Full PDB file with SEQRES, HELIX, SHEET, SSBOND, CRYST1, ORIGX, SCALE, CONECT and MASTER records, all heavy atoms in Angstrom:
SEQRES   1 A   34  PHE SER PRO ILE LYS SER HIS ARG LEU THR TYR LEU ILE          
SEQRES   2 A   34  GLU LYS ALA VAL GLU VAL GLY ALA THR HIS LEU HIS PRO          
SEQRES   3 A   34  VAL ILE CYS GLN HIS THR GLN PHE                              
HELIX    1 AA1 SER A    6  VAL A   19  1                                  14    
CRYST1    1.000    1.000    1.000  90.00  90.00  90.00 P 1           1          
ORIGX1      1.000000  0.000000  0.000000        0.00000                         
ORIGX2      0.000000  1.000000  0.000000        0.00000                         
ORIGX3      0.000000  0.000000  1.000000        0.00000                         
SCALE1      1.000000  0.000000  0.000000        0.00000                         
SCALE2      0.000000  1.000000  0.000000        0.00000                         
SCALE3      0.000000  0.000000  1.000000        0.00000                         
ATOM      1  N   PHE A   1      65.759  75.217  80.145  1.00  0.00           N  
ATOM      2  CA  PHE A   1      64.809  74.408  79.397  1.00  0.00           C  
ATOM      3  C   PHE A   1      64.625  74.966  77.994  1.00  0.00           C  
ATOM      4  O   PHE A   1      64.761  76.168  77.760  1.00  0.00           O  
ATOM      5  CB  PHE A   1      63.446  74.375  80.108  1.00  0.00           C  
ATOM      6  CG  PHE A   1      62.776  75.710  80.206  1.00  0.00           C  
ATOM      7  CD1 PHE A   1      61.843  76.116  79.248  1.00  0.00           C  
ATOM      8  CD2 PHE A   1      63.075  76.588  81.248  1.00  0.00           C  
ATOM      9  CE1 PHE A   1      61.231  77.359  79.337  1.00  0.00           C  
ATOM     10  CE2 PHE A   1      62.465  77.826  81.338  1.00  0.00           C  
ATOM     11  CZ  PHE A   1      61.542  78.212  80.377  1.00  0.00           C  
ATOM     12  N   SER A   2      64.335  74.075  77.068  1.00  0.00           N  
ATOM     13  CA  SER A   2      63.991  74.495  75.716  1.00  0.00           C  
ATOM     14  C   SER A   2      62.487  74.739  75.651  1.00  0.00           C  
ATOM     15  O   SER A   2      61.712  73.903  76.126  1.00  0.00           O  
ATOM     16  CB  SER A   2      64.396  73.414  74.713  1.00  0.00           C  
ATOM     17  OG  SER A   2      64.083  73.820  73.393  1.00  0.00           O  
ATOM     18  N   PRO A   3      62.035  75.867  75.117  1.00  0.00           N  
ATOM     19  CA  PRO A   3      60.605  76.183  75.072  1.00  0.00           C  
ATOM     20  C   PRO A   3      59.793  75.098  74.372  1.00  0.00           C  
ATOM     21  O   PRO A   3      60.222  74.539  73.356  1.00  0.00           O  
ATOM     22  CB  PRO A   3      60.561  77.498  74.288  1.00  0.00           C  
ATOM     23  CG  PRO A   3      61.901  78.114  74.519  1.00  0.00           C  
ATOM     24  CD  PRO A   3      62.863  76.970  74.578  1.00  0.00           C  
ATOM     25  N   ILE A   4      58.624  74.808  74.920  1.00  0.00           N  
ATOM     26  CA  ILE A   4      57.732  73.787  74.382  1.00  0.00           C  
ATOM     27  C   ILE A   4      56.347  74.400  74.172  1.00  0.00           C  
ATOM     28  O   ILE A   4      56.159  75.595  74.370  1.00  0.00           O  
ATOM     29  CB  ILE A   4      57.662  72.568  75.321  1.00  0.00           C  
ATOM     30  CG1 ILE A   4      57.312  73.020  76.761  1.00  0.00           C  
ATOM     31  CG2 ILE A   4      58.965  71.801  75.311  1.00  0.00           C  
ATOM     32  CD1 ILE A   4      57.237  71.897  77.760  1.00  0.00           C  
ATOM     33  N   LYS A   5      55.374  73.561  73.781  1.00  0.00           N  
ATOM     34  CA  LYS A   5      54.032  74.057  73.528  1.00  0.00           C  
ATOM     35  C   LYS A   5      53.465  74.791  74.738  1.00  0.00           C  
ATOM     36  O   LYS A   5      53.797  74.469  75.869  1.00  0.00           O  
ATOM     37  CB  LYS A   5      53.109  72.897  73.146  1.00  0.00           C  
ATOM     38  CG  LYS A   5      53.404  72.302  71.783  1.00  0.00           C  
ATOM     39  CD  LYS A   5      52.410  71.208  71.440  1.00  0.00           C  
ATOM     40  CE  LYS A   5      52.679  70.634  70.056  1.00  0.00           C  
ATOM     41  NZ  LYS A   5      51.710  69.562  69.706  1.00  0.00           N  
ATOM     42  N   SER A   6      52.578  75.735  74.474  1.00  0.00           N  
ATOM     43  CA  SER A   6      52.100  76.652  75.495  1.00  0.00           C  
ATOM     44  C   SER A   6      51.541  75.952  76.732  1.00  0.00           C  
ATOM     45  O   SER A   6      51.931  76.259  77.860  1.00  0.00           O  
ATOM     46  CB  SER A   6      51.038  77.579  74.900  1.00  0.00           C  
ATOM     47  OG  SER A   6      50.528  78.457  75.885  1.00  0.00           O  
ATOM     48  N   HIS A   7      50.613  74.994  76.538  1.00  0.00           N  
ATOM     49  CA  HIS A   7      49.981  74.375  77.702  1.00  0.00           C  
ATOM     50  C   HIS A   7      50.968  73.514  78.484  1.00  0.00           C  
ATOM     51  O   HIS A   7      50.870  73.408  79.703  1.00  0.00           O  
ATOM     52  CB  HIS A   7      48.768  73.549  77.263  1.00  0.00           C  
ATOM     53  CG  HIS A   7      49.083  72.340  76.447  1.00  0.00           C  
ATOM     54  ND1 HIS A   7      49.437  72.422  75.123  1.00  0.00           N  
ATOM     55  CD2 HIS A   7      49.107  71.016  76.780  1.00  0.00           C  
ATOM     56  CE1 HIS A   7      49.653  71.200  74.654  1.00  0.00           C  
ATOM     57  NE2 HIS A   7      49.475  70.332  75.636  1.00  0.00           N  
ATOM     58  N   ARG A   8      51.928  72.913  77.785  1.00  0.00           N  
ATOM     59  CA  ARG A   8      52.945  72.120  78.473  1.00  0.00           C  
ATOM     60  C   ARG A   8      53.953  73.025  79.175  1.00  0.00           C  
ATOM     61  O   ARG A   8      54.476  72.679  80.243  1.00  0.00           O  
ATOM     62  CB  ARG A   8      53.652  71.198  77.484  1.00  0.00           C  
ATOM     63  CG  ARG A   8      52.724  70.128  76.912  1.00  0.00           C  
ATOM     64  CD  ARG A   8      53.446  69.222  75.945  1.00  0.00           C  
ATOM     65  NE  ARG A   8      52.561  68.183  75.429  1.00  0.00           N  
ATOM     66  CZ  ARG A   8      52.913  67.282  74.523  1.00  0.00           C  
ATOM     67  NH1 ARG A   8      54.139  67.297  74.017  1.00  0.00           N  
ATOM     68  NH2 ARG A   8      52.050  66.376  74.111  1.00  0.00           N  
ATOM     69  N   LEU A   9      54.224  74.171  78.573  1.00  0.00           N  
ATOM     70  CA  LEU A   9      55.130  75.130  79.196  1.00  0.00           C  
ATOM     71  C   LEU A   9      54.540  75.660  80.500  1.00  0.00           C  
ATOM     72  O   LEU A   9      55.257  75.851  81.488  1.00  0.00           O  
ATOM     73  CB  LEU A   9      55.421  76.281  78.234  1.00  0.00           C  
ATOM     74  CG  LEU A   9      56.374  77.365  78.740  1.00  0.00           C  
ATOM     75  CD1 LEU A   9      57.744  76.757  79.066  1.00  0.00           C  
ATOM     76  CD2 LEU A   9      56.533  78.467  77.702  1.00  0.00           C  
ATOM     77  N   THR A  10      53.225  75.884  80.505  1.00  0.00           N  
ATOM     78  CA  THR A  10      52.557  76.327  81.733  1.00  0.00           C  
ATOM     79  C   THR A  10      52.751  75.306  82.850  1.00  0.00           C  
ATOM     80  O   THR A  10      53.046  75.660  83.991  1.00  0.00           O  
ATOM     81  CB  THR A  10      51.054  76.539  81.470  1.00  0.00           C  
ATOM     82  OG1 THR A  10      50.893  77.568  80.488  1.00  0.00           O  
ATOM     83  CG2 THR A  10      50.333  76.945  82.744  1.00  0.00           C  
ATOM     84  N   TYR A  11      52.593  74.040  82.521  1.00  0.00           N  
ATOM     85  CA  TYR A  11      52.776  72.965  83.506  1.00  0.00           C  
ATOM     86  C   TYR A  11      54.225  72.929  83.986  1.00  0.00           C  
ATOM     87  O   TYR A  11      54.490  72.780  85.183  1.00  0.00           O  
ATOM     88  CB  TYR A  11      52.390  71.629  82.877  1.00  0.00           C  
ATOM     89  CG  TYR A  11      52.473  70.453  83.817  1.00  0.00           C  
ATOM     90  CD1 TYR A  11      51.458  70.198  84.731  1.00  0.00           C  
ATOM     91  CD2 TYR A  11      53.571  69.599  83.791  1.00  0.00           C  
ATOM     92  CE1 TYR A  11      51.528  69.112  85.602  1.00  0.00           C  
ATOM     93  CE2 TYR A  11      53.652  68.517  84.649  1.00  0.00           C  
ATOM     94  CZ  TYR A  11      52.633  68.278  85.551  1.00  0.00           C  
ATOM     95  OH  TYR A  11      52.723  67.215  86.413  1.00  0.00           O  
ATOM     96  N   LEU A  12      55.176  73.081  83.060  1.00  0.00           N  
ATOM     97  CA  LEU A  12      56.593  73.095  83.421  1.00  0.00           C  
ATOM     98  C   LEU A  12      56.891  74.216  84.407  1.00  0.00           C  
ATOM     99  O   LEU A  12      57.596  74.021  85.408  1.00  0.00           O  
ATOM    100  CB  LEU A  12      57.447  73.247  82.158  1.00  0.00           C  
ATOM    101  CG  LEU A  12      58.972  73.245  82.309  1.00  0.00           C  
ATOM    102  CD1 LEU A  12      59.610  72.710  81.017  1.00  0.00           C  
ATOM    103  CD2 LEU A  12      59.529  74.631  82.603  1.00  0.00           C  
ATOM    104  N   ILE A  13      56.353  75.406  84.117  1.00  0.00           N  
ATOM    105  CA  ILE A  13      56.603  76.558  84.984  1.00  0.00           C  
ATOM    106  C   ILE A  13      56.032  76.319  86.379  1.00  0.00           C  
ATOM    107  O   ILE A  13      56.689  76.582  87.389  1.00  0.00           O  
ATOM    108  CB  ILE A  13      56.002  77.828  84.356  1.00  0.00           C  
ATOM    109  CG1 ILE A  13      56.781  78.205  83.091  1.00  0.00           C  
ATOM    110  CG2 ILE A  13      56.006  78.986  85.352  1.00  0.00           C  
ATOM    111  CD1 ILE A  13      56.123  79.282  82.265  1.00  0.00           C  
ATOM    112  N   GLU A  14      54.807  75.821  86.440  1.00  0.00           N  
ATOM    113  CA  GLU A  14      54.174  75.563  87.735  1.00  0.00           C  
ATOM    114  C   GLU A  14      55.006  74.603  88.574  1.00  0.00           C  
ATOM    115  O   GLU A  14      55.254  74.836  89.762  1.00  0.00           O  
ATOM    116  CB  GLU A  14      52.769  74.995  87.524  1.00  0.00           C  
ATOM    117  CG  GLU A  14      51.776  76.000  86.970  1.00  0.00           C  
ATOM    118  CD  GLU A  14      50.424  75.367  86.677  1.00  0.00           C  
ATOM    119  OE1 GLU A  14      50.314  74.116  86.803  1.00  0.00           O  
ATOM    120  OE2 GLU A  14      49.479  76.100  86.342  1.00  0.00           O  
ATOM    121  N   LYS A  15      55.445  73.510  87.973  1.00  0.00           N  
ATOM    122  CA  LYS A  15      56.207  72.505  88.717  1.00  0.00           C  
ATOM    123  C   LYS A  15      57.596  73.006  89.079  1.00  0.00           C  
ATOM    124  O   LYS A  15      58.109  72.697  90.159  1.00  0.00           O  
ATOM    125  CB  LYS A  15      56.297  71.200  87.916  1.00  0.00           C  
ATOM    126  CG  LYS A  15      54.933  70.568  87.642  1.00  0.00           C  
ATOM    127  CD  LYS A  15      54.114  70.438  88.931  1.00  0.00           C  
ATOM    128  CE  LYS A  15      52.689  70.033  88.677  1.00  0.00           C  
ATOM    129  NZ  LYS A  15      51.860  70.028  89.918  1.00  0.00           N  
ATOM    130  N   ALA A  16      58.209  73.794  88.208  1.00  0.00           N  
ATOM    131  CA  ALA A  16      59.523  74.356  88.513  1.00  0.00           C  
ATOM    132  C   ALA A  16      59.446  75.273  89.730  1.00  0.00           C  
ATOM    133  O   ALA A  16      60.310  75.247  90.606  1.00  0.00           O  
ATOM    134  CB  ALA A  16      60.056  75.125  87.304  1.00  0.00           C  
ATOM    135  N   VAL A  17      58.398  76.083  89.791  1.00  0.00           N  
ATOM    136  CA  VAL A  17      58.208  76.972  90.944  1.00  0.00           C  
ATOM    137  C   VAL A  17      57.958  76.155  92.205  1.00  0.00           C  
ATOM    138  O   VAL A  17      58.519  76.446  93.276  1.00  0.00           O  
ATOM    139  CB  VAL A  17      57.038  77.939  90.688  1.00  0.00           C  
ATOM    140  CG1 VAL A  17      56.697  78.727  91.960  1.00  0.00           C  
ATOM    141  CG2 VAL A  17      57.377  78.905  89.562  1.00  0.00           C  
ATOM    142  N   GLU A  18      57.157  75.109  92.098  1.00  0.00           N  
ATOM    143  CA  GLU A  18      56.823  74.297  93.268  1.00  0.00           C  
ATOM    144  C   GLU A  18      58.040  73.588  93.861  1.00  0.00           C  
ATOM    145  O   GLU A  18      58.136  73.431  95.079  1.00  0.00           O  
ATOM    146  CB  GLU A  18      55.753  73.267  92.892  1.00  0.00           C  
ATOM    147  CG  GLU A  18      54.378  73.884  92.637  1.00  0.00           C  
ATOM    148  CD  GLU A  18      53.369  72.862  92.141  1.00  0.00           C  
ATOM    149  OE1 GLU A  18      53.714  71.656  92.108  1.00  0.00           O  
ATOM    150  OE2 GLU A  18      52.242  73.260  91.792  1.00  0.00           O  
ATOM    151  N   VAL A  19      58.979  73.173  93.012  1.00  0.00           N  
ATOM    152  CA  VAL A  19      60.156  72.456  93.521  1.00  0.00           C  
ATOM    153  C   VAL A  19      61.252  73.408  93.983  1.00  0.00           C  
ATOM    154  O   VAL A  19      62.272  72.962  94.516  1.00  0.00           O  
ATOM    155  CB  VAL A  19      60.721  71.474  92.483  1.00  0.00           C  
ATOM    156  CG1 VAL A  19      59.690  70.442  92.090  1.00  0.00           C  
ATOM    157  CG2 VAL A  19      61.256  72.202  91.257  1.00  0.00           C  
ATOM    158  N   GLY A  20      61.068  74.721  93.768  1.00  0.00           N  
ATOM    159  CA  GLY A  20      62.012  75.683  94.327  1.00  0.00           C  
ATOM    160  C   GLY A  20      62.970  76.336  93.361  1.00  0.00           C  
ATOM    161  O   GLY A  20      63.964  76.934  93.793  1.00  0.00           O  
ATOM    162  N   ALA A  21      62.719  76.266  92.060  1.00  0.00           N  
ATOM    163  CA  ALA A  21      63.598  76.943  91.099  1.00  0.00           C  
ATOM    164  C   ALA A  21      63.592  78.449  91.360  1.00  0.00           C  
ATOM    165  O   ALA A  21      62.539  79.050  91.543  1.00  0.00           O  
ATOM    166  CB  ALA A  21      63.157  76.656  89.671  1.00  0.00           C  
ATOM    167  N   THR A  22      64.772  79.051  91.371  1.00  0.00           N  
ATOM    168  CA  THR A  22      64.885  80.490  91.604  1.00  0.00           C  
ATOM    169  C   THR A  22      65.139  81.269  90.310  1.00  0.00           C  
ATOM    170  O   THR A  22      64.947  82.481  90.266  1.00  0.00           O  
ATOM    171  CB  THR A  22      66.023  80.796  92.586  1.00  0.00           C  
ATOM    172  OG1 THR A  22      67.258  80.242  92.075  1.00  0.00           O  
ATOM    173  CG2 THR A  22      65.725  80.180  93.949  1.00  0.00           C  
ATOM    174  N   HIS A  23      65.589  80.571  89.260  1.00  0.00           N  
ATOM    175  CA  HIS A  23      65.851  81.203  87.971  1.00  0.00           C  
ATOM    176  C   HIS A  23      65.364  80.263  86.867  1.00  0.00           C  
ATOM    177  O   HIS A  23      65.666  79.061  86.897  1.00  0.00           O  
ATOM    178  CB  HIS A  23      67.334  81.491  87.760  1.00  0.00           C  
ATOM    179  CG  HIS A  23      67.914  82.463  88.740  1.00  0.00           C  
ATOM    180  ND1 HIS A  23      68.160  82.138  90.057  1.00  0.00           N  
ATOM    181  CD2 HIS A  23      68.282  83.763  88.587  1.00  0.00           C  
ATOM    182  CE1 HIS A  23      68.666  83.200  90.679  1.00  0.00           C  
ATOM    183  NE2 HIS A  23      68.734  84.189  89.823  1.00  0.00           N  
ATOM    184  N   LEU A  24      64.638  80.818  85.902  1.00  0.00           N  
ATOM    185  CA  LEU A  24      64.169  80.046  84.758  1.00  0.00           C  
ATOM    186  C   LEU A  24      64.845  80.592  83.501  1.00  0.00           C  
ATOM    187  O   LEU A  24      64.686  81.773  83.172  1.00  0.00           O  
ATOM    188  CB  LEU A  24      62.646  80.146  84.634  1.00  0.00           C  
ATOM    189  CG  LEU A  24      61.834  79.674  85.851  1.00  0.00           C  
ATOM    190  CD1 LEU A  24      60.344  79.845  85.591  1.00  0.00           C  
ATOM    191  CD2 LEU A  24      62.145  78.225  86.182  1.00  0.00           C  
ATOM    192  N   HIS A  25      65.585  79.725  82.817  1.00  0.00           N  
ATOM    193  CA  HIS A  25      66.367  80.143  81.654  1.00  0.00           C  
ATOM    194  C   HIS A  25      65.874  79.434  80.388  1.00  0.00           C  
ATOM    195  O   HIS A  25      66.168  78.243  80.202  1.00  0.00           O  
ATOM    196  CB  HIS A  25      67.841  79.810  81.853  1.00  0.00           C  
ATOM    197  CG  HIS A  25      68.462  80.410  83.072  1.00  0.00           C  
ATOM    198  ND1 HIS A  25      69.001  81.682  83.096  1.00  0.00           N  
ATOM    199  CD2 HIS A  25      68.633  79.910  84.328  1.00  0.00           C  
ATOM    200  CE1 HIS A  25      69.488  81.934  84.301  1.00  0.00           C  
ATOM    201  NE2 HIS A  25      69.267  80.877  85.058  1.00  0.00           N  
ATOM    202  N   PRO A  26      65.128  80.087  79.510  1.00  0.00           N  
ATOM    203  CA  PRO A  26      64.778  79.473  78.226  1.00  0.00           C  
ATOM    204  C   PRO A  26      66.028  79.358  77.352  1.00  0.00           C  
ATOM    205  O   PRO A  26      66.797  80.318  77.228  1.00  0.00           O  
ATOM    206  CB  PRO A  26      63.774  80.448  77.622  1.00  0.00           C  
ATOM    207  CG  PRO A  26      63.349  81.348  78.752  1.00  0.00           C  
ATOM    208  CD  PRO A  26      64.508  81.406  79.681  1.00  0.00           C  
ATOM    209  N   VAL A  27      66.229  78.188  76.757  1.00  0.00           N  
ATOM    210  CA  VAL A  27      67.406  77.925  75.930  1.00  0.00           C  
ATOM    211  C   VAL A  27      66.951  77.513  74.531  1.00  0.00           C  
ATOM    212  O   VAL A  27      66.140  76.599  74.384  1.00  0.00           O  
ATOM    213  CB  VAL A  27      68.280  76.815  76.550  1.00  0.00           C  
ATOM    214  CG1 VAL A  27      69.489  76.544  75.665  1.00  0.00           C  
ATOM    215  CG2 VAL A  27      68.721  77.198  77.953  1.00  0.00           C  
ATOM    216  N   ILE A  28      67.480  78.193  73.513  1.00  0.00           N  
ATOM    217  CA  ILE A  28      67.130  77.896  72.132  1.00  0.00           C  
ATOM    218  C   ILE A  28      68.139  76.891  71.576  1.00  0.00           C  
ATOM    219  O   ILE A  28      69.328  77.192  71.443  1.00  0.00           O  
ATOM    220  CB  ILE A  28      67.114  79.167  71.268  1.00  0.00           C  
ATOM    221  CG1 ILE A  28      66.224  80.238  71.925  1.00  0.00           C  
ATOM    222  CG2 ILE A  28      66.636  78.841  69.860  1.00  0.00           C  
ATOM    223  CD1 ILE A  28      64.806  79.792  72.166  1.00  0.00           C  
ATOM    224  N   CYS A  29      67.638  75.699  71.277  1.00  0.00           N  
ATOM    225  CA  CYS A  29      68.490  74.626  70.762  1.00  0.00           C  
ATOM    226  C   CYS A  29      68.275  74.459  69.249  1.00  0.00           C  
ATOM    227  O   CYS A  29      67.438  75.134  68.649  1.00  0.00           O  
ATOM    228  CB  CYS A  29      68.186  73.321  71.485  1.00  0.00           C  
ATOM    229  SG  CYS A  29      68.382  73.411  73.278  1.00  0.00           S  
ATOM    230  N   GLN A  30      69.010  73.535  68.655  1.00  0.00           N  
ATOM    231  CA  GLN A  30      68.946  73.347  67.210  1.00  0.00           C  
ATOM    232  C   GLN A  30      67.544  72.984  66.741  1.00  0.00           C  
ATOM    233  O   GLN A  30      67.088  73.433  65.682  1.00  0.00           O  
ATOM    234  CB  GLN A  30      69.937  72.256  66.790  1.00  0.00           C  
ATOM    235  CG  GLN A  30      69.968  71.994  65.289  1.00  0.00           C  
ATOM    236  CD  GLN A  30      70.987  70.939  64.908  1.00  0.00           C  
ATOM    237  OE1 GLN A  30      71.714  70.426  65.763  1.00  0.00           O  
ATOM    238  NE2 GLN A  30      71.052  70.599  63.631  1.00  0.00           N  
ATOM    239  N   HIS A  31      66.840  72.177  67.510  1.00  0.00           N  
ATOM    240  CA  HIS A  31      65.517  71.698  67.088  1.00  0.00           C  
ATOM    241  C   HIS A  31      64.375  72.287  67.925  1.00  0.00           C  
ATOM    242  O   HIS A  31      63.291  71.712  67.967  1.00  0.00           O  
ATOM    243  CB  HIS A  31      65.478  70.176  67.147  1.00  0.00           C  
ATOM    244  CG  HIS A  31      66.485  69.508  66.248  1.00  0.00           C  
ATOM    245  ND1 HIS A  31      66.411  69.574  64.877  1.00  0.00           N  
ATOM    246  CD2 HIS A  31      67.603  68.795  66.547  1.00  0.00           C  
ATOM    247  CE1 HIS A  31      67.427  68.911  64.348  1.00  0.00           C  
ATOM    248  NE2 HIS A  31      68.162  68.427  65.338  1.00  0.00           N  
ATOM    249  N   THR A  32      64.622  73.397  68.569  1.00  0.00           N  
ATOM    250  CA  THR A  32      63.547  74.060  69.319  1.00  0.00           C  
ATOM    251  C   THR A  32      62.459  74.519  68.358  1.00  0.00           C  
ATOM    252  O   THR A  32      62.733  75.222  67.385  1.00  0.00           O  
ATOM    253  CB  THR A  32      64.098  75.277  70.094  1.00  0.00           C  
ATOM    254  OG1 THR A  32      65.047  74.834  71.062  1.00  0.00           O  
ATOM    255  CG2 THR A  32      62.970  76.016  70.809  1.00  0.00           C  
ATOM    256  N   GLN A  33      61.230  74.118  68.606  1.00  0.00           N  
ATOM    257  CA  GLN A  33      60.126  74.419  67.699  1.00  0.00           C  
ATOM    258  C   GLN A  33      59.365  75.685  68.072  1.00  0.00           C  
ATOM    259  O   GLN A  33      58.592  76.207  67.264  1.00  0.00           O  
ATOM    260  CB  GLN A  33      59.156  73.238  67.656  1.00  0.00           C  
ATOM    261  CG  GLN A  33      59.783  71.968  67.089  1.00  0.00           C  
ATOM    262  CD  GLN A  33      58.792  70.818  67.026  1.00  0.00           C  
ATOM    263  OE1 GLN A  33      57.750  70.850  67.674  1.00  0.00           O  
ATOM    264  NE2 GLN A  33      59.110  69.798  66.242  1.00  0.00           N  
ATOM    265  N   PHE A  34      59.561  76.170  69.301  1.00  0.00           N  
ATOM    266  CA  PHE A  34      58.811  77.346  69.761  1.00  0.00           C  
ATOM    267  C   PHE A  34      59.782  78.367  70.367  1.00  0.00           C  
ATOM    268  O   PHE A  34      59.789  78.590  71.573  1.00  0.00           O  
ATOM    269  CB  PHE A  34      57.752  76.934  70.783  1.00  0.00           C  
ATOM    270  CG  PHE A  34      56.805  75.882  70.272  1.00  0.00           C  
ATOM    271  CD1 PHE A  34      57.052  74.547  70.508  1.00  0.00           C  
ATOM    272  CD2 PHE A  34      55.683  76.234  69.542  1.00  0.00           C  
ATOM    273  CE1 PHE A  34      56.188  73.570  70.032  1.00  0.00           C  
ATOM    274  CE2 PHE A  34      54.818  75.277  69.060  1.00  0.00           C  
ATOM    275  CZ  PHE A  34      55.076  73.932  69.300  1.00  0.00           C  
TER     276      PHE A  34                                                      
MASTER        0    0    0    1    0    0    0    6  275    1    0    3          
END                                                                             
């Protein structure tokens, strides 16, 4: 995933854990703002 705003990132992390993600990889793209 490309990093997003803090409060939205928290929601992303919570849902990723709930669905069973075993590895979380932040990816820096051309237009990543955070």
